[in-house]
């Protein structure tokens, strides 16, 4: 139920059954633009556990099957330690 990512661009991450995504930004910035196979009501915690580089959650990237919608209609950038909580409504992911 967990996944670790470190590649720079991630626009269609398979998340069926996933509840935690650990993001390794020690070598580069990491962008997340969307998911595939999320289920209505599924909750994912995206965890950045270091202060190197940035984690970018992309607002409506349009390349993933299930886009991420964020209050304020802009990307969410985390430069320090941080956790982002996303909830799937069946067609997209809502960011807290």
C-alpha atoms as a PDB file:
ATOM      1  CA  UNK A   1       0.000   0.000   0.000  1.00  0.00           C
ATOM      2  CA  UNK A   2       2.991   2.323  -0.418  1.00  0.00           C
ATOM      3  CA  UNK A   3       5.066   3.532  -3.332  1.00  0.00           C
ATOM      4  CA  UNK A   4       8.338   5.455  -3.618  1.00  0.00           C
ATOM      5  CA  UNK A   5       9.054   7.746  -6.570  1.00  0.00           C
ATOM      6  CA  UNK A   6      12.122   9.783  -7.485  1.00  0.00           C
ATOM      7  CA  UNK A   7      11.888  10.452 -11.232  1.00  0.00           C
ATOM      8  CA  UNK A   8      11.422  14.065 -12.262  1.00  0.00           C
ATOM      9  CA  UNK A   9       8.040  13.786 -14.025  1.00  0.00           C
ATOM     10  CA  UNK A  10       5.161  11.542 -12.979  1.00  0.00           C
ATOM     11  CA  UNK A  11       1.907  12.147 -14.831  1.00  0.00           C
ATOM     12  CA  UNK A  12       0.080   8.815 -14.694  1.00  0.00           C
ATOM     13  CA  UNK A  13       1.026   7.007 -11.494  1.00  0.00           C
ATOM     14  CA  UNK A  14      -0.782   3.690 -10.955  1.00  0.00           C
ATOM     15  CA  UNK A  15      -2.354   4.022  -7.481  1.00  0.00           C
ATOM     16  CA  UNK A  16      -4.820   1.137  -7.153  1.00  0.00           C
ATOM     17  CA  UNK A  17      -4.537   0.078  -3.488  1.00  0.00           C
ATOM     18  CA  UNK A  18      -1.913   2.727  -2.663  1.00  0.00           C
ATOM     19  CA  UNK A  19      -2.319   4.869   0.477  1.00  0.00           C
ATOM     20  CA  UNK A  20       1.153   6.435   0.784  1.00  0.00           C
ATOM     21  CA  UNK A  21       3.566   7.801  -1.806  1.00  0.00           C
ATOM     22  CA  UNK A  22       7.052   8.612  -0.549  1.00  0.00           C
ATOM     23  CA  UNK A  23       8.826  11.158  -2.750  1.00  0.00           C
ATOM     24  CA  UNK A  24      12.620  11.152  -2.917  1.00  0.00           C
ATOM     25  CA  UNK A  25      13.751  14.634  -3.960  1.00  0.00           C
ATOM     26  CA  UNK A  26      17.377  14.140  -2.919  1.00  0.00           C
ATOM     27  CA  UNK A  27      18.617  14.211  -6.551  1.00  0.00           C
ATOM     28  CA  UNK A  28      16.087  16.449  -8.337  1.00  0.00           C
ATOM     29  CA  UNK A  29      12.736  18.198  -8.209  1.00  0.00           C
ATOM     30  CA  UNK A  30       9.833  15.741  -8.518  1.00  0.00           C
ATOM     31  CA  UNK A  31       6.528  16.660 -10.203  1.00  0.00           C
ATOM     32  CA  UNK A  32       3.277  14.715  -9.826  1.00  0.00           C
ATOM     33  CA  UNK A  33       0.621  15.517 -12.424  1.00  0.00           C
ATOM     34  CA  UNK A  34      -1.946  12.738 -12.178  1.00  0.00           C
ATOM     35  CA  UNK A  35      -2.861   9.160 -11.397  1.00  0.00           C
ATOM     36  CA  UNK A  36      -4.522   6.106 -12.873  1.00  0.00           C
ATOM     37  CA  UNK A  37      -6.967   3.620 -11.337  1.00  0.00           C
ATOM     38  CA  UNK A  38      -7.793   5.606  -8.194  1.00  0.00           C
ATOM     39  CA  UNK A  39     -11.046   4.553  -6.535  1.00  0.00           C
ATOM     40  CA  UNK A  40     -13.790   6.860  -5.246  1.00  0.00           C
ATOM     41  CA  UNK A  41     -13.069   7.609  -1.575  1.00  0.00           C
ATOM     42  CA  UNK A  42      -9.424   6.503  -1.775  1.00  0.00           C
ATOM     43  CA  UNK A  43      -7.044   8.685   0.247  1.00  0.00           C
ATOM     44  CA  UNK A  44      -3.354   9.071  -0.563  1.00  0.00           C
ATOM     45  CA  UNK A  45      -0.736  10.765   1.597  1.00  0.00           C
ATOM     46  CA  UNK A  46       2.196  12.115  -0.434  1.00  0.00           C
ATOM     47  CA  UNK A  47       5.230  12.434   1.827  1.00  0.00           C
ATOM     48  CA  UNK A  48       8.349  14.535   1.189  1.00  0.00           C
ATOM     49  CA  UNK A  49      10.761  13.614   3.967  1.00  0.00           C
ATOM     50  CA  UNK A  50      13.788  15.768   3.216  1.00  0.00           C
ATOM     51  CA  UNK A  51      14.620  19.411   2.494  1.00  0.00           C
ATOM     52  CA  UNK A  52      16.483  18.917  -0.789  1.00  0.00           C
ATOM     53  CA  UNK A  53      14.877  20.197  -4.016  1.00  0.00           C
ATOM     54  CA  UNK A  54      11.088  20.527  -4.428  1.00  0.00           C
ATOM     55  CA  UNK A  55       7.961  18.419  -4.721  1.00  0.00           C
ATOM     56  CA  UNK A  56       5.503  19.927  -7.208  1.00  0.00           C
ATOM     57  CA  UNK A  57       1.866  18.799  -7.239  1.00  0.00           C
ATOM     58  CA  UNK A  58       0.594  19.964 -10.629  1.00  0.00           C
ATOM     59  CA  UNK A  59      -2.879  21.470 -10.964  1.00  0.00           C
ATOM     60  CA  UNK A  60      -4.878  19.822 -13.788  1.00  0.00           C
ATOM     61  CA  UNK A  61      -1.802  18.640 -15.668  1.00  0.00           C
ATOM     62  CA  UNK A  62      -4.137  16.994 -18.222  1.00  0.00           C
ATOM     63  CA  UNK A  63      -1.771  14.102 -18.944  1.00  0.00           C
ATOM     64  CA  UNK A  64      -2.830  11.691 -16.211  1.00  0.00           C
ATOM     65  CA  UNK A  65      -6.090   9.804 -16.452  1.00  0.00           C
ATOM     66  CA  UNK A  66      -7.137  11.311 -13.123  1.00  0.00           C
ATOM     67  CA  UNK A  67      -6.025  14.925 -12.732  1.00  0.00           C
ATOM     68  CA  UNK A  68      -5.348  16.725  -9.456  1.00  0.00           C
ATOM     69  CA  UNK A  69      -7.476  19.739  -8.506  1.00  0.00           C
ATOM     70  CA  UNK A  70      -6.063  22.179  -5.974  1.00  0.00           C
ATOM     71  CA  UNK A  71      -7.708  25.045  -4.137  1.00  0.00           C
ATOM     72  CA  UNK A  72      -6.536  28.280  -5.739  1.00  0.00           C
ATOM     73  CA  UNK A  73      -6.150  26.637  -9.163  1.00  0.00           C
ATOM     74  CA  UNK A  74      -2.356  26.566  -9.154  1.00  0.00           C
ATOM     75  CA  UNK A  75       0.462  24.110  -8.537  1.00  0.00           C
ATOM     76  CA  UNK A  76       1.372  23.258  -4.951  1.00  0.00           C
ATOM     77  CA  UNK A  77       5.127  23.445  -4.314  1.00  0.00           C
ATOM     78  CA  UNK A  78       6.742  21.949  -1.215  1.00  0.00           C
ATOM     79  CA  UNK A  79      10.363  22.942  -0.611  1.00  0.00           C
ATOM     80  CA  UNK A  80      10.756  21.618   2.935  1.00  0.00           C
ATOM     81  CA  UNK A  81       9.408  18.567   4.734  1.00  0.00           C
ATOM     82  CA  UNK A  82       5.723  18.095   3.984  1.00  0.00           C
ATOM     83  CA  UNK A  83       2.666  15.901   3.512  1.00  0.00           C
ATOM     84  CA  UNK A  84      -0.067  16.415   0.935  1.00  0.00           C
ATOM     85  CA  UNK A  85      -3.384  14.597   1.344  1.00  0.00           C
ATOM     86  CA  UNK A  86      -5.383  13.754  -1.792  1.00  0.00           C
ATOM     87  CA  UNK A  87      -8.886  12.256  -1.983  1.00  0.00           C
ATOM     88  CA  UNK A  88     -10.271  10.630  -5.132  1.00  0.00           C
ATOM     89  CA  UNK A  89     -13.828  11.474  -6.189  1.00  0.00           C
ATOM     90  CA  UNK A  90     -13.809   8.775  -8.856  1.00  0.00           C
ATOM     91  CA  UNK A  91     -12.669  10.967 -11.754  1.00  0.00           C
ATOM     92  CA  UNK A  92     -10.064  13.311 -10.245  1.00  0.00           C
ATOM     93  CA  UNK A  93      -8.097  13.880  -7.045  1.00  0.00           C
ATOM     94  CA  UNK A  94      -8.879  16.728  -4.648  1.00  0.00           C
ATOM     95  CA  UNK A  95      -5.928  18.244  -2.788  1.00  0.00           C
ATOM     96  CA  UNK A  96      -6.298  19.481   0.795  1.00  0.00           C
END
